[in-house]
PDB file of N, CA and C in Angstrom:
ATOM      1  N   MET A   1      26.043  -4.888  23.200  1.00  0.00           N
ATOM      2  CA  MET A   1      25.163  -3.790  23.303  1.00  0.00           C
ATOM      3  C   MET A   1      25.268  -2.918  21.983  1.00  0.00           C
ATOM      4  N   SER A   2      24.175  -2.363  21.668  1.00  0.00           N
ATOM      5  CA  SER A   2      24.194  -1.533  20.435  1.00  0.00           C
ATOM      6  C   SER A   2      23.816  -0.135  20.763  1.00  0.00           C
ATOM      7  N   TYR A   3      24.135   0.818  19.989  1.00  0.00           N
ATOM      8  CA  TYR A   3      23.990   2.247  20.115  1.00  0.00           C
ATOM      9  C   TYR A   3      23.446   3.066  18.888  1.00  0.00           C
ATOM     10  N   GLN A   4      22.988   4.183  19.204  1.00  0.00           N
ATOM     11  CA  GLN A   4      22.545   5.110  18.176  1.00  0.00           C
ATOM     12  C   GLN A   4      22.965   6.514  18.488  1.00  0.00           C
ATOM     13  N   VAL A   5      23.112   7.217  17.458  1.00  0.00           N
ATOM     14  CA  VAL A   5      23.512   8.665  17.513  1.00  0.00           C
ATOM     15  C   VAL A   5      22.441   9.614  17.820  1.00  0.00           C
ATOM     16  N   PRO A   6      22.367  10.347  18.994  1.00  0.00           N
ATOM     17  CA  PRO A   6      21.272  11.140  19.325  1.00  0.00           C
ATOM     18  C   PRO A   6      21.139  12.274  18.216  1.00  0.00           C
ATOM     19  N   GLY A   7      19.878  12.869  18.116  1.00  0.00           N
ATOM     20  CA  GLY A   7      19.631  13.835  17.028  1.00  0.00           C
ATOM     21  C   GLY A   7      20.559  15.030  17.142  1.00  0.00           C
ATOM     22  N   HIS A   8      20.991  15.436  18.399  1.00  0.00           N
ATOM     23  CA  HIS A   8      21.692  16.622  18.541  1.00  0.00           C
ATOM     24  C   HIS A   8      23.235  16.485  18.284  1.00  0.00           C
ATOM     25  N   VAL A   9      23.607  15.279  17.809  1.00  0.00           N
ATOM     26  CA  VAL A   9      25.005  14.838  17.590  1.00  0.00           C
ATOM     27  C   VAL A   9      25.183  14.681  16.061  1.00  0.00           C
ATOM     28  N   HIS A  10      26.284  15.385  15.426  1.00  0.00           N
ATOM     29  CA  HIS A  10      26.533  15.281  14.089  1.00  0.00           C
ATOM     30  C   HIS A  10      27.993  14.848  13.920  1.00  0.00           C
ATOM     31  N   HIS A  11      28.352  13.942  12.909  1.00  0.00           N
ATOM     32  CA  HIS A  11      29.718  13.442  12.728  1.00  0.00           C
ATOM     33  C   HIS A  11      30.052  13.497  11.270  1.00  0.00           C
ATOM     34  N   ARG A  12      31.395  13.594  11.028  1.00  0.00           N
ATOM     35  CA  ARG A  12      31.914  13.708   9.674  1.00  0.00           C
ATOM     36  C   ARG A  12      33.152  12.946   9.710  1.00  0.00           C
ATOM     37  N   THR A  13      33.483  12.100   8.604  1.00  0.00           N
ATOM     38  CA  THR A  13      34.812  11.571   8.584  1.00  0.00           C
ATOM     39  C   THR A  13      35.655  12.476   7.820  1.00  0.00           C
ATOM     40  N   VAL A  14      36.860  12.765   8.386  1.00  0.00           N
ATOM     41  CA  VAL A  14      37.866  13.592   7.749  1.00  0.00           C
ATOM     42  C   VAL A  14      39.167  12.771   7.661  1.00  0.00           C
ATOM     43  N   ASP A  15      39.489  12.488   6.406  1.00  0.00           N
ATOM     44  CA  ASP A  15      40.662  11.610   6.236  1.00  0.00           C
ATOM     45  C   ASP A  15      40.430  10.240   6.901  1.00  0.00           C
ATOM     46  N   ASP A  16      41.168   9.859   7.926  1.00  0.00           N
ATOM     47  CA  ASP A  16      40.932   8.597   8.703  1.00  0.00           C
ATOM     48  C   ASP A  16      40.451   8.797   9.970  1.00  0.00           C
ATOM     49  N   GLU A  17      39.877   9.962  10.285  1.00  0.00           N
ATOM     50  CA  GLU A  17      39.447  10.257  11.580  1.00  0.00           C
ATOM     51  C   GLU A  17      37.941  10.757  11.504  1.00  0.00           C
ATOM     52  N   VAL A  18      37.259  10.741  12.677  1.00  0.00           N
ATOM     53  CA  VAL A  18      35.864  11.269  12.738  1.00  0.00           C
ATOM     54  C   VAL A  18      35.888  12.500  13.703  1.00  0.00           C
ATOM     55  N   VAL A  19      35.194  13.451  13.334  1.00  0.00           N
ATOM     56  CA  VAL A  19      34.992  14.636  14.091  1.00  0.00           C
ATOM     57  C   VAL A  19      33.422  14.610  14.511  1.00  0.00           C
ATOM     58  N   VAL A  20      33.216  14.792  15.803  1.00  0.00           N
ATOM     59  CA  VAL A  20      31.859  14.616  16.337  1.00  0.00           C
ATOM     60  C   VAL A  20      31.518  15.968  16.901  1.00  0.00           C
ATOM     61  N   PHE A  21      30.350  16.531  16.610  1.00  0.00           N
ATOM     62  CA  PHE A  21      29.768  17.787  17.035  1.00  0.00           C
ATOM     63  C   PHE A  21      28.634  17.507  17.928  1.00  0.00           C
ATOM     64  N   ASP A  22      28.629  18.111  19.119  1.00  0.00           N
ATOM     65  CA  ASP A  22      27.479  17.977  20.083  1.00  0.00           C
ATOM     66  C   ASP A  22      26.744  19.277  19.933  1.00  0.00           C
ATOM     67  N   GLY A  23      25.618  19.340  19.350  1.00  0.00           N
ATOM     68  CA  GLY A  23      24.820  20.505  19.138  1.00  0.00           C
ATOM     69  C   GLY A  23      24.229  21.104  20.473  1.00  0.00           C
ATOM     70  N   GLN A  24      24.149  20.370  21.441  1.00  0.00           N
ATOM     71  CA  GLN A  24      23.664  20.765  22.773  1.00  0.00           C
ATOM     72  C   GLN A  24      24.746  21.619  23.562  1.00  0.00           C
ATOM     73  N   THR A  25      25.889  21.113  23.518  1.00  0.00           N
ATOM     74  CA  THR A  25      26.987  21.732  24.188  1.00  0.00           C
ATOM     75  C   THR A  25      27.949  22.612  23.197  1.00  0.00           C
ATOM     76  N   GLU A  26      27.696  22.488  21.997  1.00  0.00           N
ATOM     77  CA  GLU A  26      28.487  23.173  21.075  1.00  0.00           C
ATOM     78  C   GLU A  26      29.966  22.891  21.132  1.00  0.00           C
ATOM     79  N   THR A  27      30.173  21.622  21.312  1.00  0.00           N
ATOM     80  CA  THR A  27      31.617  21.228  21.467  1.00  0.00           C
ATOM     81  C   THR A  27      31.874  20.112  20.423  1.00  0.00           C
ATOM     82  N   TYR A  28      33.206  20.141  20.069  1.00  0.00           N
ATOM     83  CA  TYR A  28      33.746  19.047  19.161  1.00  0.00           C
ATOM     84  C   TYR A  28      34.520  18.102  19.816  1.00  0.00           C
ATOM     85  N   LEU A  29      34.515  16.806  19.225  1.00  0.00           N
ATOM     86  CA  LEU A  29      35.314  15.806  19.714  1.00  0.00           C
ATOM     87  C   LEU A  29      36.050  15.068  18.525  1.00  0.00           C
ATOM     88  N   GLY A  30      37.376  15.137  18.438  1.00  0.00           N
ATOM     89  CA  GLY A  30      38.032  14.394  17.418  1.00  0.00           C
ATOM     90  C   GLY A  30      38.460  13.043  17.796  1.00  0.00           C
ATOM     91  N   LEU A  31      38.166  12.164  17.082  1.00  0.00           N
ATOM     92  CA  LEU A  31      38.486  10.724  17.305  1.00  0.00           C
ATOM     93  C   LEU A  31      39.715  10.275  16.435  1.00  0.00           C
ATOM     94  N   ASN A  32      40.672   9.658  17.143  1.00  0.00           N
ATOM     95  CA  ASN A  32      41.861   9.283  16.353  1.00  0.00           C
ATOM     96  C   ASN A  32      41.415   8.049  15.509  1.00  0.00           C
ATOM     97  N   SER A  33      42.334   7.530  14.662  1.00  0.00           N
ATOM     98  CA  SER A  33      41.934   6.491  13.671  1.00  0.00           C
ATOM     99  C   SER A  33      41.504   5.172  14.399  1.00  0.00           C
ATOM    100  N   THR A  34      41.911   4.891  15.485  1.00  0.00           N
ATOM    101  CA  THR A  34      41.603   3.588  16.238  1.00  0.00           C
ATOM    102  C   THR A  34      40.258   3.849  16.729  1.00  0.00           C
ATOM    103  N   ALA A  35      39.883   4.980  17.409  1.00  0.00           N
ATOM    104  CA  ALA A  35      38.541   5.303  17.906  1.00  0.00           C
ATOM    105  C   ALA A  35      37.546   5.349  16.754  1.00  0.00           C
ATOM    106  N   THR A  36      38.015   5.888  15.631  1.00  0.00           N
ATOM    107  CA  THR A  36      37.233   6.007  14.378  1.00  0.00           C
ATOM    108  C   THR A  36      36.630   4.597  14.003  1.00  0.00           C
ATOM    109  N   ILE A  37      37.408   3.652  14.040  1.00  0.00           N
ATOM    110  CA  ILE A  37      37.043   2.261  13.594  1.00  0.00           C
ATOM    111  C   ILE A  37      35.839   1.884  14.634  1.00  0.00           C
ATOM    112  N   VAL A  38      36.068   2.026  15.821  1.00  0.00           N
ATOM    113  CA  VAL A  38      34.869   1.771  16.809  1.00  0.00           C
ATOM    114  C   VAL A  38      33.757   2.497  16.564  1.00  0.00           C
ATOM    115  N   TRP A  39      33.810   3.851  16.441  1.00  0.00           N
ATOM    116  CA  TRP A  39      32.737   4.776  16.102  1.00  0.00           C
ATOM    117  C   TRP A  39      31.888   4.340  14.937  1.00  0.00           C
ATOM    118  N   LEU A  40      32.565   4.067  13.734  1.00  0.00           N
ATOM    119  CA  LEU A  40      31.838   3.742  12.583  1.00  0.00           C
ATOM    120  C   LEU A  40      31.061   2.516  12.720  1.00  0.00           C
ATOM    121  N   VAL A  41      31.546   1.434  13.380  1.00  0.00           N
ATOM    122  CA  VAL A  41      30.872   0.201  13.537  1.00  0.00           C
ATOM    123  C   VAL A  41      29.758   0.458  14.450  1.00  0.00           C
ATOM    124  N   LEU A  42      29.861   1.259  15.710  1.00  0.00           N
ATOM    125  CA  LEU A  42      28.786   1.402  16.603  1.00  0.00           C
ATOM    126  C   LEU A  42      27.714   2.256  16.029  1.00  0.00           C
ATOM    127  N   VAL A  43      28.019   3.258  15.215  1.00  0.00           N
ATOM    128  CA  VAL A  43      26.852   4.147  14.561  1.00  0.00           C
ATOM    129  C   VAL A  43      26.187   3.437  13.461  1.00  0.00           C
ATOM    130  N   ALA A  44      26.777   2.406  13.015  1.00  0.00           N
ATOM    131  CA  ALA A  44      26.173   1.594  11.915  1.00  0.00           C
ATOM    132  C   ALA A  44      25.096   0.588  12.683  1.00  0.00           C
ATOM    133  N   GLY A  45      25.045   0.666  13.934  1.00  0.00           N
ATOM    134  CA  GLY A  45      24.119  -0.161  14.708  1.00  0.00           C
ATOM    135  C   GLY A  45      24.532  -1.595  15.186  1.00  0.00           C
ATOM    136  N   ASP A  46      25.828  -1.702  14.977  1.00  0.00           N
ATOM    137  CA  ASP A  46      26.457  -3.046  15.425  1.00  0.00           C
ATOM    138  C   ASP A  46      26.846  -2.881  16.905  1.00  0.00           C
ATOM    139  N   SER A  47      27.209  -3.981  17.435  1.00  0.00           N
ATOM    140  CA  SER A  47      27.484  -4.189  18.891  1.00  0.00           C
ATOM    141  C   SER A  47      28.892  -3.789  19.229  1.00  0.00           C
ATOM    142  N   THR A  48      29.283  -3.585  20.547  1.00  0.00           N
ATOM    143  CA  THR A  48      30.559  -3.464  20.921  1.00  0.00           C
ATOM    144  C   THR A  48      31.462  -4.645  20.565  1.00  0.00           C
ATOM    145  N   GLY A  49      30.915  -5.893  20.569  1.00  0.00           N
ATOM    146  CA  GLY A  49      31.602  -6.969  20.115  1.00  0.00           C
ATOM    147  C   GLY A  49      32.108  -6.898  18.620  1.00  0.00           C
ATOM    148  N   ALA A  50      31.128  -6.485  17.794  1.00  0.00           N
ATOM    149  CA  ALA A  50      31.451  -6.341  16.403  1.00  0.00           C
ATOM    150  C   ALA A  50      32.591  -5.282  16.221  1.00  0.00           C
ATOM    151  N   ALA A  51      32.434  -4.149  17.055  1.00  0.00           N
ATOM    152  CA  ALA A  51      33.459  -3.082  16.956  1.00  0.00           C
ATOM    153  C   ALA A  51      34.800  -3.575  17.365  1.00  0.00           C
ATOM    154  N   ALA A  52      34.872  -4.446  18.436  1.00  0.00           N
ATOM    155  CA  ALA A  52      36.033  -5.015  18.897  1.00  0.00           C
ATOM    156  C   ALA A  52      36.627  -5.992  17.800  1.00  0.00           C
ATOM    157  N   ASP A  53      35.790  -6.757  17.116  1.00  0.00           N
ATOM    158  CA  ASP A  53      36.295  -7.588  16.054  1.00  0.00           C
ATOM    159  C   ASP A  53      36.905  -6.758  14.954  1.00  0.00           C
ATOM    160  N   ALA A  54      36.229  -5.640  14.570  1.00  0.00           N
ATOM    161  CA  ALA A  54      36.817  -4.663  13.519  1.00  0.00           C
ATOM    162  C   ALA A  54      38.207  -4.195  13.952  1.00  0.00           C
ATOM    163  N   LEU A  55      38.254  -3.835  15.161  1.00  0.00           N
ATOM    164  CA  LEU A  55      39.515  -3.308  15.762  1.00  0.00           C
ATOM    165  C   LEU A  55      40.515  -4.389  15.622  1.00  0.00           C
ATOM    166  N   VAL A  56      40.302  -5.545  15.961  1.00  0.00           N
ATOM    167  CA  VAL A  56      41.365  -6.627  15.844  1.00  0.00           C
ATOM    168  C   VAL A  56      41.646  -6.769  14.354  1.00  0.00           C
ATOM    169  N   ALA A  57      40.728  -6.883  13.509  1.00  0.00           N
ATOM    170  CA  ALA A  57      40.976  -7.115  12.096  1.00  0.00           C
ATOM    171  C   ALA A  57      41.827  -6.042  11.474  1.00  0.00           C
ATOM    172  N   GLN A  58      41.526  -4.849  11.856  1.00  0.00           N
ATOM    173  CA  GLN A  58      42.202  -3.599  11.162  1.00  0.00           C
ATOM    174  C   GLN A  58      43.450  -3.203  11.867  1.00  0.00           C
ATOM    175  N   THR A  59      43.741  -3.519  13.049  1.00  0.00           N
ATOM    176  CA  THR A  59      44.971  -3.099  13.872  1.00  0.00           C
ATOM    177  C   THR A  59      45.786  -4.243  14.271  1.00  0.00           C
ATOM    178  N   GLY A  60      45.232  -5.387  14.485  1.00  0.00           N
ATOM    179  CA  GLY A  60      46.075  -6.584  14.992  1.00  0.00           C
ATOM    180  C   GLY A  60      46.086  -6.511  16.458  1.00  0.00           C
ATOM    181  N   VAL A  61      45.500  -5.615  17.157  1.00  0.00           N
ATOM    182  CA  VAL A  61      45.455  -5.709  18.562  1.00  0.00           C
ATOM    183  C   VAL A  61      44.882  -6.997  19.177  1.00  0.00           C
ATOM    184  N   ALA A  62      45.271  -7.419  20.367  1.00  0.00           N
ATOM    185  CA  ALA A  62      44.708  -8.590  20.929  1.00  0.00           C
ATOM    186  C   ALA A  62      43.277  -8.471  21.183  1.00  0.00           C
ATOM    187  N   PRO A  63      42.524  -9.505  20.884  1.00  0.00           N
ATOM    188  CA  PRO A  63      41.049  -9.463  21.060  1.00  0.00           C
ATOM    189  C   PRO A  63      40.515  -9.041  22.492  1.00  0.00           C
ATOM    190  N   GLU A  64      41.132  -9.364  23.585  1.00  0.00           N
ATOM    191  CA  GLU A  64      40.719  -8.951  24.938  1.00  0.00           C
ATOM    192  C   GLU A  64      40.933  -7.524  25.167  1.00  0.00           C
ATOM    193  N   VAL A  65      42.057  -7.017  24.584  1.00  0.00           N
ATOM    194  CA  VAL A  65      42.362  -5.536  24.635  1.00  0.00           C
ATOM    195  C   VAL A  65      41.319  -4.812  23.818  1.00  0.00           C
ATOM    196  N   ALA A  66      41.038  -5.215  22.670  1.00  0.00           N
ATOM    197  CA  ALA A  66      40.130  -4.551  21.784  1.00  0.00           C
ATOM    198  C   ALA A  66      38.663  -4.457  22.482  1.00  0.00           C
ATOM    199  N   LEU A  67      38.277  -5.636  23.049  1.00  0.00           N
ATOM    200  CA  LEU A  67      36.981  -5.601  23.619  1.00  0.00           C
ATOM    201  C   LEU A  67      36.960  -4.683  24.915  1.00  0.00           C
ATOM    202  N   ALA A  68      37.951  -4.690  25.651  1.00  0.00           N
ATOM    203  CA  ALA A  68      38.037  -3.861  26.888  1.00  0.00           C
ATOM    204  C   ALA A  68      38.103  -2.324  26.435  1.00  0.00           C
ATOM    205  N   ASP A  69      38.811  -2.010  25.409  1.00  0.00           N
ATOM    206  CA  ASP A  69      38.961  -0.665  24.926  1.00  0.00           C
ATOM    207  C   ASP A  69      37.689  -0.196  24.212  1.00  0.00           C
ATOM    208  N   THR A  70      37.091  -0.994  23.538  1.00  0.00           N
ATOM    209  CA  THR A  70      35.802  -0.728  22.886  1.00  0.00           C
ATOM    210  C   THR A  70      34.614  -0.440  23.891  1.00  0.00           C
ATOM    211  N   VAL A  71      34.572  -1.254  24.766  1.00  0.00           N
ATOM    212  CA  VAL A  71      33.551  -1.106  25.917  1.00  0.00           C
ATOM    213  C   VAL A  71      33.754   0.143  26.637  1.00  0.00           C
ATOM    214  N   ALA A  72      35.133   0.478  26.928  1.00  0.00           N
ATOM    215  CA  ALA A  72      35.434   1.815  27.736  1.00  0.00           C
ATOM    216  C   ALA A  72      35.096   2.987  26.787  1.00  0.00           C
ATOM    217  N   LEU A  73      35.429   2.895  25.559  1.00  0.00           N
ATOM    218  CA  LEU A  73      35.181   3.999  24.662  1.00  0.00           C
ATOM    219  C   LEU A  73      33.649   4.306  24.451  1.00  0.00           C
ATOM    220  N   ALA A  74      33.018   3.189  24.322  1.00  0.00           N
ATOM    221  CA  ALA A  74      31.493   3.289  24.243  1.00  0.00           C
ATOM    222  C   ALA A  74      30.877   3.902  25.487  1.00  0.00           C
ATOM    223  N   ALA A  75      31.270   3.390  26.657  1.00  0.00           N
ATOM    224  CA  ALA A  75      30.845   4.100  27.914  1.00  0.00           C
ATOM    225  C   ALA A  75      31.097   5.560  28.039  1.00  0.00           C
ATOM    226  N   ASP A  76      32.276   6.018  27.587  1.00  0.00           N
ATOM    227  CA  ASP A  76      32.784   7.341  27.565  1.00  0.00           C
ATOM    228  C   ASP A  76      31.833   8.164  26.677  1.00  0.00           C
ATOM    229  N   LEU A  77      31.563   7.618  25.439  1.00  0.00           N
ATOM    230  CA  LEU A  77      30.731   8.291  24.460  1.00  0.00           C
ATOM    231  C   LEU A  77      29.275   8.469  25.002  1.00  0.00           C
ATOM    232  N   VAL A  78      28.832   7.470  25.647  1.00  0.00           N
ATOM    233  CA  VAL A  78      27.463   7.604  26.203  1.00  0.00           C
ATOM    234  C   VAL A  78      27.550   8.605  27.368  1.00  0.00           C
ATOM    235  N   ARG A  79      28.504   8.657  28.201  1.00  0.00           N
ATOM    236  CA  ARG A  79      28.622   9.579  29.258  1.00  0.00           C
ATOM    237  C   ARG A  79      28.631  11.007  28.832  1.00  0.00           C
ATOM    238  N   ARG A  80      29.223  11.235  27.577  1.00  0.00           N
ATOM    239  CA  ARG A  80      29.371  12.524  27.056  1.00  0.00           C
ATOM    240  C   ARG A  80      28.114  12.888  26.343  1.00  0.00           C
ATOM    241  N   GLY A  81      27.124  12.006  26.090  1.00  0.00           N
ATOM    242  CA  GLY A  81      26.009  12.178  25.346  1.00  0.00           C
ATOM    243  C   GLY A  81      25.960  12.126  23.896  1.00  0.00           C
ATOM    244  N   LEU A  82      27.135  11.513  23.384  1.00  0.00           N
ATOM    245  CA  LEU A  82      27.350  11.351  22.025  1.00  0.00           C
ATOM    246  C   LEU A  82      26.838  10.094  21.510  1.00  0.00           C
ATOM    247  N   LEU A  83      26.509   9.110  22.233  1.00  0.00           N
ATOM    248  CA  LEU A  83      25.864   7.874  21.870  1.00  0.00           C
ATOM    249  C   LEU A  83      24.796   7.595  22.880  1.00  0.00           C
ATOM    250  N   GLU A  84      23.743   6.789  22.407  1.00  0.00           N
ATOM    251  CA  GLU A  84      22.729   6.238  23.308  1.00  0.00           C
ATOM    252  C   GLU A  84      22.570   4.851  23.056  1.00  0.00           C
ATOM    253  N   PRO A  85      22.520   4.010  24.192  1.00  0.00           N
ATOM    254  CA  PRO A  85      22.237   2.613  24.103  1.00  0.00           C
ATOM    255  C   PRO A  85      20.901   2.397  23.564  1.00  0.00           C
ATOM    256  N   THR A  86      20.689   1.278  22.692  1.00  0.00           N
ATOM    257  CA  THR A  86      19.522   0.922  22.077  1.00  0.00           C
ATOM    258  C   THR A  86      19.118  -0.486  22.579  1.00  0.00           C
ATOM    259  N   GLU A  87      17.796  -0.687  22.529  1.00  0.00           N
ATOM    260  CA  GLU A  87      17.332  -2.099  22.802  1.00  0.00           C
ATOM    261  C   GLU A  87      17.654  -3.068  21.655  1.00  0.00           C
ATOM    262  N   GLY A  88      18.064  -4.167  22.012  1.00  0.00           N
ATOM    263  CA  GLY A  88      18.177  -5.157  20.972  1.00  0.00           C
ATOM    264  C   GLY A  88      19.520  -5.731  20.774  1.00  0.00           C
TER     265      GLY A  88
END
């Protein structure tokens, strides 16, 4: 599945982490370096599978763990309104 960032969400990379601001709720979310890897791949329009592959390549985590964690993070970001699923 692929995702996009809704218009009310803004993000910036600070050092090795991403800070996400939700303009609707006026809240910030800080992503650690591992979640940042996933975020950057997803907001580039790639799939959860591609994000999991990046996580494996950059951290050495087991592929099945990377995929499960990536899918869980993406679902949480959607639930929070910080990402939206896209067709395709």
